[in-house]
């Protein structure tokens, strides 16, 4: 070893030794300044801190805020403290994965974990005829309703046009739908048109708690909150139907659960009922079954198969909300992902269109040869689920049927496969079979579960197999305006129809009403319809004011 190298090493050792000694000296000085048990307890702690940590400023005394009067103090307390703002910020961040970023996150209630059924709540009018998560959230819900109303101009226009006539005066409507800001605009429109309403939720995860609170505050009996149990779900429906001194004469349903409950528990309701309005595939299917069996006691309006519902709510709405729901819950990137969509009806078409646009490799399953051929012409491979299940990154059901995805197929999925439902009922995916001892459930975030197999494989299940877009994301307000306007017109039609126009059967919304709903929304786009001349109308055999297509026409 050369002398230069040795000298260099010795110098390094000297520098290290010097650093250690300096560190020990600092420690000794700090130790000497430490307050011992026998030291003067009146020592100025501020001086001690200053000597040891000259860079750390001493604390200043906090002056208590003085208020001129009680009103000023109350106004000040409306705003959160700094700690409260941090908590509120975390709550809002968490709520981004919840349905509609529910303003329930803003709740400051200390009893927020108390089950709603165990709470004694009253609104500002003294009424307790409701059951919601927290009626104190009404102010936040009112803001959301006001925002929704801005993009539901057609429904507001209908409200203004018919408000003077009160076409629903005397109507007692019991409703079972998703309780969102958009639904609230519909409910308040029905009330403005003269109806009395009682409402519950058709899905245990889709309720916006703050919106339910806002409705309860205005006096609408609402029985719903996000995260209900199955028992809560049926209890809420029962509370809506079974109330002293009030009996429904109209039903607005989404899924058929309310209609089923009335038939099962309170069949006498149908003696005075004037009609049922149903807006889902599942519910309409149940109505047709009742009609076929001769058990349908009242006329029913099939809103689901109206053109405005099929094309706009089912197709265009799902085209946007499928991506919203998947992104919020999984943060997945779709480019190159293998996706299978089960069902190529209007919902399936919307989902496939959106996923393909983001670069996903999409295939479909179908039972209907016409829909299957449409899928082929749109560029999608039509497969059997069993043939491709092992390769899929995402599995989406859009069929409105049961056991579309079975336990056997869930067992064969690859690790990390995302499974969700865009149809209706939570039976589309065989979730019940996953509640078995050999499988472990792990909650990842709101509405997202890992189902873990014994070998460590994980399947990502969204919303426990319930509707993805209404449980985990938002739905475009404008599209819901179209559906809500259709529902309102269907209720008006059934309630005011002369005796004998509708028998105990299932009917489609009259074509003229479908066209009217569409026309109310054209102004949003500054769209201007071309008018037929007398000669043209005569040539086509049409009325100049419509309807412009026969009932059998397929748009």
Protein backbone atom coordinates (compact mmCIF):
# COMPACT_ATOMS: atom_id res chain seq x y z
CA UNK A 1 0.00 0.00 0.00
CA UNK A 2 1.49 3.41 -0.96
CA UNK A 3 2.13 6.21 1.52
CA UNK A 4 -0.39 8.46 -0.23
CA UNK A 5 -3.15 5.90 0.26
CA UNK A 6 -2.25 5.43 3.95
CA UNK A 7 -2.21 9.18 4.55
CA UNK A 8 -5.62 9.49 2.89
CA UNK A 9 -7.13 6.79 5.11
CA UNK A 10 -5.66 8.37 8.27
CA UNK A 11 -7.13 11.75 7.32
CA UNK A 12 -10.55 10.17 6.83
CA UNK A 13 -10.35 8.55 10.30
CA UNK A 14 -9.41 11.89 11.88
CA UNK A 15 -12.37 13.65 10.27
CA UNK A 16 -14.76 10.95 11.44
CA UNK A 17 -13.39 11.11 15.00
CA UNK A 18 -13.75 14.90 15.02
CA UNK A 19 -17.40 14.63 13.89
CA UNK A 20 -18.18 12.10 16.65
CA UNK A 21 -16.66 14.36 19.35
CA UNK A 22 -18.62 17.37 18.13
CA UNK A 23 -21.83 15.33 18.21
CA UNK A 24 -21.10 14.19 21.79
CA UNK A 25 -20.48 17.80 22.88
CA UNK A 26 -23.84 18.91 21.47
CA UNK A 27 -25.56 16.04 23.28
CA UNK A 28 -23.85 16.96 26.57
CA UNK A 29 -24.94 20.60 26.26
CA UNK A 30 -28.52 19.59 25.59
CA UNK A 31 -28.44 17.07 28.48
CA UNK A 32 -27.19 19.76 30.85
CA UNK A 33 -30.12 21.94 29.95
CA UNK A 34 -32.68 19.20 30.59
CA UNK A 35 -34.99 19.84 33.51
CA UNK A 36 -34.25 17.30 36.26
CA UNK A 37 -36.54 16.27 39.09
CA UNK A 38 -34.67 18.52 41.54
CA UNK A 39 -34.34 21.53 39.25
CA UNK A 40 -36.34 24.71 39.66
CA UNK A 41 -39.82 23.98 38.30
CA UNK A 42 -40.21 27.66 37.47
CA UNK A 43 -37.47 27.53 34.84
CA UNK A 44 -38.44 29.39 31.65
CA UNK A 45 -39.15 26.57 29.25
CA UNK A 46 -39.18 29.02 26.37
CA UNK A 47 -35.53 29.96 27.13
CA UNK A 48 -34.55 26.30 27.35
CA UNK A 49 -36.10 25.60 23.94
CA UNK A 50 -34.43 28.67 22.49
CA UNK A 51 -31.00 27.64 23.71
CA UNK A 52 -31.22 24.11 22.45
CA UNK A 53 -33.14 24.73 19.20
CA UNK A 54 -32.55 28.30 18.11
CA UNK A 55 -34.33 27.58 14.80
CA UNK A 56 -37.59 26.63 16.52
CA UNK A 57 -39.80 29.64 17.41
CA UNK A 58 -41.54 29.76 20.77
CA UNK A 59 -45.28 29.28 20.84
CA UNK A 60 -47.48 32.34 21.00
CA UNK A 61 -50.51 32.47 23.24
CA UNK A 62 -53.82 32.09 21.43
CA UNK A 63 -56.35 34.81 21.98
CA UNK A 64 -59.97 33.73 22.39
CA UNK A 65 -62.32 35.16 19.78
CA UNK A 66 -64.89 37.55 21.19
CA UNK A 67 -68.32 37.75 19.52
CA UNK A 68 -70.54 40.80 19.61
CA UNK A 69 -73.69 38.69 19.80
CA UNK A 70 -75.02 35.14 19.56
CA UNK A 71 -75.86 35.51 15.84
CA UNK A 72 -72.21 36.28 14.99
CA UNK A 73 -71.06 33.23 16.94
CA UNK A 74 -73.59 31.01 15.18
CA UNK A 75 -72.48 32.29 11.76
CA UNK A 76 -68.83 31.65 12.64
CA UNK A 77 -69.56 28.08 13.73
CA UNK A 78 -71.06 27.25 10.32
CA UNK A 79 -67.54 27.05 8.91
CA UNK A 80 -65.22 24.17 9.79
CA UNK A 81 -62.01 24.59 11.76
CA UNK A 82 -58.65 23.89 10.16
CA UNK A 83 -58.74 20.36 11.57
CA UNK A 84 -62.29 20.04 10.35
CA UNK A 85 -61.26 21.15 6.87
CA UNK A 86 -58.59 18.46 6.80
CA UNK A 87 -61.14 15.88 7.91
CA UNK A 88 -63.64 17.18 5.36
CA UNK A 89 -60.98 17.00 2.65
CA UNK A 90 -60.27 13.37 3.49
CA UNK A 91 -63.98 12.61 3.51
CA UNK A 92 -64.48 14.18 0.09
CA UNK A 93 -61.50 12.26 -1.27
CA UNK A 94 -62.92 9.01 0.06
CA UNK A 95 -66.34 9.81 -1.33
CA UNK A 96 -64.99 9.97 -4.86
CA UNK A 97 -65.43 6.21 -5.00
CA UNK A 98 -68.94 6.37 -3.58
CA UNK A 99 -72.06 6.71 -5.62
CA UNK A 100 -72.41 10.26 -6.91
CA UNK A 101 -69.68 11.49 -4.53
CA UNK A 102 -72.36 11.56 -1.90
CA UNK A 103 -72.46 14.68 0.22
CA UNK A 104 -73.03 12.36 3.13
CA UNK A 105 -69.29 12.88 3.56
CA UNK A 106 -70.03 16.38 4.77
CA UNK A 107 -72.05 15.05 7.67
CA UNK A 108 -70.91 16.24 11.06
CA UNK A 109 -73.30 14.07 13.00
CA UNK A 110 -71.85 12.23 15.94
CA UNK A 111 -74.45 9.44 15.64
CA UNK A 112 -73.80 8.83 11.94
CA UNK A 113 -73.09 5.15 12.59
CA UNK A 114 -76.46 4.63 14.24
CA UNK A 115 -78.76 2.56 12.00
CA UNK A 116 -81.41 4.89 10.51
CA UNK A 117 -84.19 2.63 11.77
CA UNK A 118 -82.98 3.26 15.34
CA UNK A 119 -82.92 7.05 15.01
CA UNK A 120 -85.68 9.40 16.06
CA UNK A 121 -85.62 12.17 13.44
CA UNK A 122 -87.98 15.01 12.60
CA UNK A 123 -87.82 17.62 9.88
CA UNK A 124 -88.25 21.36 10.41
CA UNK A 125 -92.02 20.95 10.05
CA UNK A 126 -92.13 18.47 12.93
CA UNK A 127 -92.86 15.44 10.73
CA UNK A 128 -91.19 12.10 11.45
CA UNK A 129 -92.84 10.17 8.59
CA UNK A 130 -89.56 9.22 6.91
CA UNK A 131 -86.40 7.20 7.53
CA UNK A 132 -83.14 8.48 6.06
CA UNK A 133 -79.49 8.43 7.07
CA UNK A 134 -79.42 11.96 8.48
CA UNK A 135 -82.07 14.59 7.81
CA UNK A 136 -79.54 17.29 8.75
CA UNK A 137 -77.89 16.72 5.36
CA UNK A 138 -80.90 18.28 3.64
CA UNK A 139 -79.09 21.51 2.77
CA UNK A 140 -76.44 19.67 0.79
CA UNK A 141 -79.09 17.56 -0.92
CA UNK A 142 -81.01 20.66 -1.93
CA UNK A 143 -77.93 22.01 -3.70
CA UNK A 144 -77.51 18.77 -5.64
CA UNK A 145 -81.17 18.82 -6.65
CA UNK A 146 -80.82 22.40 -7.88
CA UNK A 147 -77.77 21.44 -9.96
CA UNK A 148 -79.63 18.46 -11.48
CA UNK A 149 -82.65 20.63 -12.31
CA UNK A 150 -80.46 22.89 -14.45
CA UNK A 151 -79.92 20.02 -16.92
CA UNK A 152 -83.50 18.72 -16.75
CA UNK A 153 -85.12 21.63 -18.54
CA UNK A 154 -87.70 19.43 -20.28
CA UNK A 155 -89.07 18.10 -16.99
CA UNK A 156 -89.10 21.60 -15.53
CA UNK A 157 -90.89 22.80 -18.68
CA UNK A 158 -93.50 20.06 -18.24
CA UNK A 159 -93.91 21.11 -14.61
CA UNK A 160 -94.53 24.73 -15.59
CA UNK A 161 -96.93 23.88 -18.44
CA UNK A 162 -99.11 21.52 -16.41
CA UNK A 163 -98.80 23.02 -12.95
CA UNK A 164 -101.92 25.13 -13.32
CA UNK A 165 -104.02 22.18 -14.47
CA UNK A 166 -102.85 19.83 -11.69
CA UNK A 167 -103.32 16.68 -13.84
CA UNK A 168 -102.26 14.47 -10.92
CA UNK A 169 -104.56 16.01 -8.31
CA UNK A 170 -105.87 13.09 -6.26
CA UNK A 171 -103.06 10.75 -7.32
CA UNK A 172 -101.35 8.89 -4.48
CA UNK A 173 -98.12 7.59 -5.95
CA UNK A 174 -95.87 5.09 -4.21
CA UNK A 175 -92.46 4.90 -5.90
CA UNK A 176 -89.55 2.49 -5.77
CA UNK A 177 -86.65 3.81 -7.85
CA UNK A 178 -83.05 4.90 -7.47
CA UNK A 179 -83.11 7.92 -5.16
CA UNK A 180 -80.81 10.46 -6.77
CA UNK A 181 -80.86 14.19 -7.37
CA UNK A 182 -82.47 13.55 -10.75
CA UNK A 183 -85.20 11.37 -9.22
CA UNK A 184 -85.84 14.14 -6.69
CA UNK A 185 -86.58 16.55 -9.54
CA UNK A 186 -89.12 14.01 -10.85
CA UNK A 187 -90.73 13.53 -7.42
CA UNK A 188 -91.02 17.27 -6.86
CA UNK A 189 -92.53 17.63 -10.33
CA UNK A 190 -95.16 15.02 -9.50
CA UNK A 191 -95.95 16.87 -6.26
CA UNK A 192 -96.20 20.17 -8.16
CA UNK A 193 -98.68 18.51 -10.53
CA UNK A 194 -100.93 17.62 -7.60
CA UNK A 195 -99.76 14.15 -6.51
CA UNK A 196 -99.04 12.85 -3.02
CA UNK A 197 -95.89 10.70 -3.03
CA UNK A 198 -94.21 8.15 -0.79
CA UNK A 199 -90.84 6.84 -1.94
CA UNK A 200 -88.27 4.12 -1.36
CA UNK A 201 -85.14 2.86 -3.13
CA UNK A 202 -84.96 0.00 -5.63
CA UNK A 203 -81.24 -0.57 -4.96
CA UNK A 204 -79.50 -0.78 -1.59
CA UNK A 205 -76.40 1.07 -2.81
CA UNK A 206 -77.67 3.78 -5.18
CA UNK A 207 -79.37 6.14 -2.73
CA UNK A 208 -77.84 9.60 -2.30
CA UNK A 209 -78.28 10.12 1.43
CA UNK A 210 -78.27 13.89 1.23
CA UNK A 211 -80.93 13.90 -1.50
CA UNK A 212 -83.16 11.58 0.54
CA UNK A 213 -82.71 14.02 3.44
CA UNK A 214 -83.68 16.99 1.26
CA UNK A 215 -86.87 15.22 0.15
CA UNK A 216 -87.73 14.31 3.73
CA UNK A 217 -87.20 17.93 4.75
CA UNK A 218 -89.73 19.13 2.16
CA UNK A 219 -92.32 16.70 3.53
CA UNK A 220 -92.04 13.78 1.10
CA UNK A 221 -92.07 10.51 3.09
CA UNK A 222 -88.82 8.82 2.02
CA UNK A 223 -87.56 5.52 3.38
CA UNK A 224 -84.08 4.86 2.00
CA UNK A 225 -80.37 5.17 2.73
CA UNK A 226 -77.20 3.98 1.08
CA UNK A 227 -75.99 0.59 2.30
CA UNK A 228 -79.29 -0.93 3.42
CA UNK A 229 -79.40 -4.59 4.35
CA UNK A 230 -81.82 -6.91 2.59
CA UNK A 231 -84.09 -6.72 5.62
CA UNK A 232 -83.91 -2.92 5.57
CA UNK A 233 -84.79 -2.93 1.87
CA UNK A 234 -88.09 -4.78 2.37
CA UNK A 235 -88.85 -2.86 5.57
CA UNK A 236 -88.58 0.43 3.65
CA UNK A 237 -90.92 -0.81 0.94
CA UNK A 238 -93.40 -1.94 3.57
CA UNK A 239 -93.28 1.44 5.33
CA UNK A 240 -94.08 3.16 2.04
CA UNK A 241 -97.10 0.99 1.30
CA UNK A 242 -98.45 0.24 4.75
CA UNK A 243 -99.34 3.54 6.40
CA UNK A 244 -102.48 4.50 8.26
CA UNK A 245 -104.91 6.77 6.48
CA UNK A 246 -103.15 6.64 3.11
CA UNK A 247 -103.50 4.16 0.26
CA UNK A 248 -101.67 4.32 -3.05
CA UNK A 249 -103.60 4.42 -6.31
CA UNK A 250 -100.55 4.60 -8.63
CA UNK A 251 -97.26 2.68 -8.60
CA UNK A 252 -93.99 3.80 -10.15
CA UNK A 253 -91.54 0.90 -10.05
CA UNK A 254 -88.01 0.07 -11.17
CA UNK A 255 -87.36 -3.65 -11.10
CA UNK A 256 -90.76 -4.90 -9.96
CA UNK A 257 -89.92 -5.35 -6.27
CA UNK A 258 -92.56 -2.87 -5.10
CA UNK A 259 -95.22 -4.42 -7.34
CA UNK A 260 -94.23 -7.87 -6.10
CA UNK A 261 -94.49 -6.76 -2.45
CA UNK A 262 -97.94 -5.21 -2.95
CA UNK A 263 -99.21 -8.36 -4.66
CA UNK A 264 -97.77 -10.51 -1.89
CA UNK A 265 -98.69 -8.47 1.20
CA UNK A 266 -101.33 -5.90 0.26
CA UNK A 267 -103.38 -7.16 -2.72
CA UNK A 268 -106.29 -4.95 -1.63
CA UNK A 269 -104.30 -1.93 -2.87
CA UNK A 270 -105.08 -2.96 -6.45
CA UNK A 271 -108.81 -2.51 -5.87
CA UNK A 272 -108.29 1.27 -6.03
CA UNK A 273 -105.08 1.39 -8.07
CA UNK A 274 -105.34 2.94 -11.51
CA UNK A 275 -102.06 1.75 -12.94
CA UNK A 276 -98.42 0.71 -12.71
CA UNK A 277 -95.53 2.39 -14.53
CA UNK A 278 -92.41 0.21 -14.86
CA UNK A 279 -89.06 1.31 -16.28
CA UNK A 280 -86.74 -1.71 -16.20
CA UNK A 281 -86.29 -4.89 -18.24
CA UNK A 282 -86.63 -7.05 -15.14
CA UNK A 283 -89.78 -5.31 -13.94
CA UNK A 284 -91.42 -5.39 -17.36
CA UNK A 285 -90.64 -9.10 -17.64
CA UNK A 286 -92.42 -9.67 -14.31
CA UNK A 287 -95.44 -7.68 -15.50
CA UNK A 288 -95.74 -9.72 -18.70
CA UNK A 289 -95.56 -12.89 -16.61
CA UNK A 290 -98.43 -11.63 -14.42
CA UNK A 291 -100.43 -10.68 -17.50
CA UNK A 292 -99.86 -14.05 -19.13
CA UNK A 293 -100.99 -15.82 -15.95
CA UNK A 294 -104.08 -13.62 -15.75
CA UNK A 295 -102.97 -12.13 -12.42
CA UNK A 296 -102.37 -8.53 -13.52
CA UNK A 297 -105.12 -6.56 -11.75
CA UNK A 298 -104.53 -3.10 -13.24
CA UNK A 299 -103.22 -1.53 -16.47
CA UNK A 300 -99.44 -1.24 -16.65
CA UNK A 301 -97.27 1.04 -18.76
CA UNK A 302 -94.02 -0.39 -20.11
CA UNK A 303 -91.74 2.65 -20.10
CA UNK A 304 -88.61 0.55 -20.56
CA UNK A 305 -89.42 -0.28 -24.17
CA UNK A 306 -90.37 3.24 -25.17
CA UNK A 307 -87.98 4.57 -27.80
CA UNK A 308 -86.80 7.47 -25.65
CA UNK A 309 -85.93 5.12 -22.76
CA UNK A 310 -84.29 2.44 -24.89
CA UNK A 311 -82.18 4.70 -27.05
CA UNK A 312 -81.20 7.37 -24.57
CA UNK A 313 -81.19 5.89 -21.08
CA UNK A 314 -80.07 2.40 -22.04
CA UNK A 315 -77.73 3.18 -24.94
CA UNK A 316 -76.28 6.68 -24.58
CA UNK A 317 -76.36 6.77 -20.79
CA UNK A 318 -74.56 3.43 -20.37
CA UNK A 319 -72.03 4.42 -23.02
CA UNK A 320 -70.78 7.10 -20.65
CA UNK A 321 -71.49 5.69 -17.20
CA UNK A 322 -69.77 2.31 -17.73
CA UNK A 323 -66.39 4.01 -18.00
CA UNK A 324 -67.12 6.31 -15.08
CA UNK A 325 -67.97 3.38 -12.82
CA UNK A 326 -64.96 1.27 -13.81
CA UNK A 327 -62.49 4.15 -13.57
CA UNK A 328 -63.68 5.29 -10.14
CA UNK A 329 -63.55 1.83 -8.63
CA UNK A 330 -60.50 0.23 -10.24
CA UNK A 331 -58.39 2.98 -11.91
CA UNK A 332 -57.94 0.50 -14.77
CA UNK A 333 -56.50 1.48 -18.13
CA UNK A 334 -58.53 -0.12 -20.92
CA UNK A 335 -56.10 0.00 -23.81
CA UNK A 336 -55.33 -3.60 -24.81
CA UNK A 337 -57.53 -5.14 -22.12
CA UNK A 338 -59.57 -8.23 -23.00
CA UNK A 339 -63.23 -7.50 -22.19
CA UNK A 340 -66.34 -9.63 -22.62
CA UNK A 341 -69.79 -8.00 -22.52
CA UNK A 342 -72.62 -10.45 -21.87
CA UNK A 343 -75.62 -9.20 -23.85
CA UNK A 344 -75.76 -6.92 -26.89
CA UNK A 345 -79.03 -5.12 -26.32
CA UNK A 346 -79.12 -1.34 -25.97
CA UNK A 347 -77.13 -1.41 -22.70
CA UNK A 348 -74.57 -3.81 -24.12
CA UNK A 349 -74.22 -1.73 -27.30
CA UNK A 350 -73.47 1.37 -25.24
CA UNK A 351 -70.88 -0.43 -23.11
CA UNK A 352 -69.13 -2.03 -26.10
CA UNK A 353 -68.97 1.27 -27.98
CA UNK A 354 -67.30 3.06 -25.07
CA UNK A 355 -64.80 0.30 -24.29
CA UNK A 356 -63.81 -0.15 -27.93
CA UNK A 357 -63.17 3.58 -28.25
CA UNK A 358 -60.58 3.37 -25.45
CA UNK A 359 -58.68 0.55 -27.15
CA UNK A 360 -60.11 -2.44 -25.31
CA UNK A 361 -60.37 -5.74 -27.20
CA UNK A 362 -64.10 -6.46 -26.83
CA UNK A 363 -66.09 -9.61 -27.53
CA UNK A 364 -69.74 -10.28 -26.75
CA UNK A 365 -72.06 -13.12 -25.80
CA UNK A 366 -75.65 -13.30 -27.08
CA UNK A 367 -78.65 -15.63 -27.22
CA UNK A 368 -80.51 -13.60 -29.89
CA UNK A 369 -79.26 -14.14 -33.48
CA UNK A 370 -80.38 -10.63 -34.53
CA UNK A 371 -78.41 -8.93 -31.75
CA UNK A 372 -75.50 -11.29 -32.42
CA UNK A 373 -75.47 -10.31 -36.10
CA UNK A 374 -75.57 -6.64 -35.12
CA UNK A 375 -72.51 -7.27 -32.95
CA UNK A 376 -70.68 -8.90 -35.85
CA UNK A 377 -71.49 -5.97 -38.14
CA UNK A 378 -70.22 -3.56 -35.46
CA UNK A 379 -66.90 -5.38 -35.38
CA UNK A 380 -67.23 -7.52 -32.26
CA UNK A 381 -66.49 -11.23 -32.01
CA UNK A 382 -69.48 -13.24 -30.75
CA UNK A 383 -68.36 -16.00 -28.39
CA UNK A 384 -69.53 -18.35 -25.67
CA UNK A 385 -68.39 -17.23 -22.24
CA UNK A 386 -66.90 -20.63 -21.40
CA UNK A 387 -64.60 -20.37 -24.43
CA UNK A 388 -62.92 -17.13 -23.39
CA UNK A 389 -63.37 -16.82 -19.64
CA UNK A 390 -59.74 -17.70 -18.81
CA UNK A 391 -58.34 -14.89 -20.97
CA UNK A 392 -60.65 -12.05 -19.90
CA UNK A 393 -59.47 -9.04 -17.89
CA UNK A 394 -63.00 -7.63 -17.45
CA UNK A 395 -66.39 -9.38 -17.47
CA UNK A 396 -69.54 -7.21 -17.72
CA UNK A 397 -73.12 -8.50 -17.62
CA UNK A 398 -75.88 -6.59 -19.47
CA UNK A 399 -78.49 -9.30 -19.89
CA UNK A 400 -81.25 -8.68 -17.33
CA UNK A 401 -81.20 -12.43 -16.61
CA UNK A 402 -79.98 -14.66 -13.78
CA UNK A 403 -76.76 -16.71 -13.57
CA UNK A 404 -75.26 -15.06 -16.64
CA UNK A 405 -71.91 -15.62 -14.89
CA UNK A 406 -71.89 -18.86 -12.89
CA UNK A 407 -69.69 -20.06 -10.02
CA UNK A 408 -67.92 -22.48 -12.37
CA UNK A 409 -66.97 -19.58 -14.62
CA UNK A 410 -65.88 -17.47 -11.65
CA UNK A 411 -63.61 -20.36 -10.59
CA UNK A 412 -61.97 -20.36 -14.02
CA UNK A 413 -61.29 -16.61 -14.20
CA UNK A 414 -57.70 -15.45 -14.09
CA UNK A 415 -56.17 -13.60 -11.17
CA UNK A 416 -57.22 -9.94 -11.05
CA UNK A 417 -60.23 -10.29 -13.35
CA UNK A 418 -62.79 -7.49 -12.81
CA UNK A 419 -66.44 -8.59 -12.68
CA UNK A 420 -69.40 -6.20 -12.71
CA UNK A 421 -73.06 -5.87 -13.66
CA UNK A 422 -74.72 -3.25 -15.90
CA UNK A 423 -78.02 -5.11 -16.34
CA UNK A 424 -80.37 -4.87 -13.39
CA UNK A 425 -80.68 -7.57 -10.75
CA UNK A 426 -77.74 -8.67 -8.60
CA UNK A 427 -78.52 -12.26 -9.65
CA UNK A 428 -76.86 -11.79 -13.07
CA UNK A 429 -73.59 -12.77 -11.38
CA UNK A 430 -73.88 -15.76 -9.05
CA UNK A 431 -72.67 -13.76 -6.04
CA UNK A 432 -74.52 -16.00 -3.57
CA UNK A 433 -72.20 -18.90 -4.44
CA UNK A 434 -69.19 -16.77 -3.49
CA UNK A 435 -70.43 -16.53 0.12
CA UNK A 436 -68.84 -19.86 0.93
CA UNK A 437 -66.35 -20.86 3.68
CA UNK A 438 -63.48 -21.63 1.33
CA UNK A 439 -63.48 -18.11 -0.16
CA UNK A 440 -62.32 -14.95 1.61
CA UNK A 441 -63.86 -11.52 1.04
CA UNK A 442 -61.62 -8.48 1.43
CA UNK A 443 -63.04 -4.95 1.19
CA UNK A 444 -60.59 -2.84 -0.82
CA UNK A 445 -62.55 0.41 -0.98
CA UNK A 446 -66.17 1.45 -1.14
CA UNK A 447 -68.07 -0.91 -3.47
CA UNK A 448 -64.90 -2.88 -4.35
CA UNK A 449 -64.21 -6.37 -2.96
CA UNK A 450 -61.48 -8.90 -3.54
CA UNK A 451 -62.87 -12.43 -3.51
CA UNK A 452 -59.87 -14.64 -2.70
CA UNK A 453 -59.63 -18.34 -3.62
CA UNK A 454 -57.60 -20.84 -1.53
CA UNK A 455 -54.73 -20.74 -4.04
CA UNK A 456 -54.44 -16.95 -3.66
CA UNK A 457 -56.31 -16.01 -6.84
CA UNK A 458 -58.28 -12.76 -6.53
CA UNK A 459 -61.33 -11.67 -8.47
CA UNK A 460 -62.33 -8.00 -8.22
CA UNK A 461 -66.10 -7.82 -7.67
CA UNK A 462 -67.76 -4.41 -7.99
CA UNK A 463 -70.85 -3.31 -6.01
CA UNK A 464 -71.40 -6.93 -4.89
CA UNK A 465 -72.87 -7.64 -8.32
CA UNK A 466 -75.41 -4.81 -8.26
CA UNK A 467 -75.68 -2.04 -10.85
CA UNK A 468 -72.23 -0.60 -11.42
CA UNK A 469 -73.15 2.82 -12.78
CA UNK A 470 -75.75 3.62 -10.13
CA UNK A 471 -73.74 2.16 -7.23
CA UNK A 472 -70.27 3.38 -8.09
CA UNK A 473 -70.51 6.43 -10.33
CA UNK A 474 -72.75 9.10 -11.76
CA UNK A 475 -75.35 8.92 -14.50
CA UNK A 476 -75.72 11.83 -16.97
CA UNK A 477 -78.50 14.11 -15.77
CA UNK A 478 -79.68 14.99 -19.25
CA UNK A 479 -80.41 11.36 -20.09
CA UNK A 480 -82.29 10.88 -16.83
CA UNK A 481 -84.35 13.93 -17.71
CA UNK A 482 -85.62 12.03 -20.76
CA UNK A 483 -86.55 8.97 -18.69
CA UNK A 484 -88.12 11.03 -15.89
CA UNK A 485 -90.24 13.01 -18.37
CA UNK A 486 -91.40 9.74 -19.91
CA UNK A 487 -92.36 8.39 -16.47
CA UNK A 488 -94.26 11.56 -15.57
CA UNK A 489 -96.25 11.47 -18.82
CA UNK A 490 -97.02 7.77 -18.35
CA UNK A 491 -98.40 8.44 -14.87
CA UNK A 492 -100.51 11.34 -16.17
CA UNK A 493 -101.83 9.20 -19.04
CA UNK A 494 -102.84 6.25 -16.85
CA UNK A 495 -104.32 8.40 -14.10
CA UNK A 496 -106.45 10.51 -16.45
CA UNK A 497 -107.39 7.87 -19.03
CA UNK A 498 -111.14 7.40 -19.42
CA UNK A 499 -112.52 4.12 -18.15
CA UNK A 500 -112.10 1.36 -20.69
CA UNK A 501 -109.14 2.84 -22.61
CA UNK A 502 -106.68 0.56 -20.84
CA UNK A 503 -107.50 -2.96 -19.70
CA UNK A 504 -105.61 -5.21 -17.27
CA UNK A 505 -102.62 -5.62 -19.56
CA UNK A 506 -99.17 -4.18 -20.32
CA UNK A 507 -99.01 -1.24 -22.75
CA UNK A 508 -96.26 0.70 -24.47
CA UNK A 509 -96.16 4.46 -24.11
CA UNK A 510 -98.18 5.98 -26.97
CA UNK A 511 -95.94 7.00 -29.88
CA UNK A 512 -97.21 10.58 -29.72
CA UNK A 513 -95.92 10.88 -26.15
CA UNK A 514 -92.56 9.41 -27.09
CA UNK A 515 -92.17 12.06 -29.77
CA UNK A 516 -93.31 14.77 -27.36
CA UNK A 517 -90.63 13.78 -24.84
CA UNK A 518 -87.97 13.99 -27.55
CA UNK A 519 -89.24 17.37 -28.77
CA UNK A 520 -89.00 18.86 -25.28
CA UNK A 521 -85.27 18.13 -25.23
CA UNK A 522 -84.34 19.45 -28.67
CA UNK A 523 -84.05 23.04 -27.45
CA UNK A 524 -80.98 22.05 -25.44
CA UNK A 525 -79.14 21.63 -28.74
CA UNK A 526 -80.74 24.56 -30.54
CA UNK A 527 -82.20 21.96 -32.91
CA UNK A 528 -84.96 22.98 -35.36
CA UNK A 529 -87.37 20.43 -36.85
CA UNK A 530 -88.35 20.56 -40.52
CA UNK A 531 -92.13 20.77 -40.99
CA UNK A 532 -94.04 18.73 -43.55
CA UNK A 533 -96.01 20.60 -46.18
CA UNK A 534 -99.66 19.67 -46.65
CA UNK A 535 -98.76 17.88 -49.88
CA UNK A 536 -95.96 15.91 -48.21
CA UNK A 537 -98.15 14.94 -45.25
CA UNK A 538 -100.86 13.74 -47.62
CA UNK A 539 -98.34 11.76 -49.69
CA UNK A 540 -97.03 9.99 -46.54
CA UNK A 541 -100.46 9.60 -44.99
CA UNK A 542 -99.37 11.41 -41.84
CA UNK A 543 -100.69 14.09 -39.57
CA UNK A 544 -98.41 17.13 -39.82
CA UNK A 545 -98.04 17.10 -36.03
CA UNK A 546 -97.29 13.40 -35.74
CA UNK A 547 -96.96 10.68 -34.82
CA UNK A 548 -94.44 10.28 -37.62
CA UNK A 549 -93.76 6.55 -37.30
CA UNK A 550 -96.06 3.55 -36.80
CA UNK A 551 -95.76 1.53 -33.59
CA UNK A 552 -93.96 -1.28 -35.39
CA UNK A 553 -91.17 1.01 -36.63
CA UNK A 554 -87.72 0.12 -35.26
CA UNK A 555 -85.52 3.18 -34.75
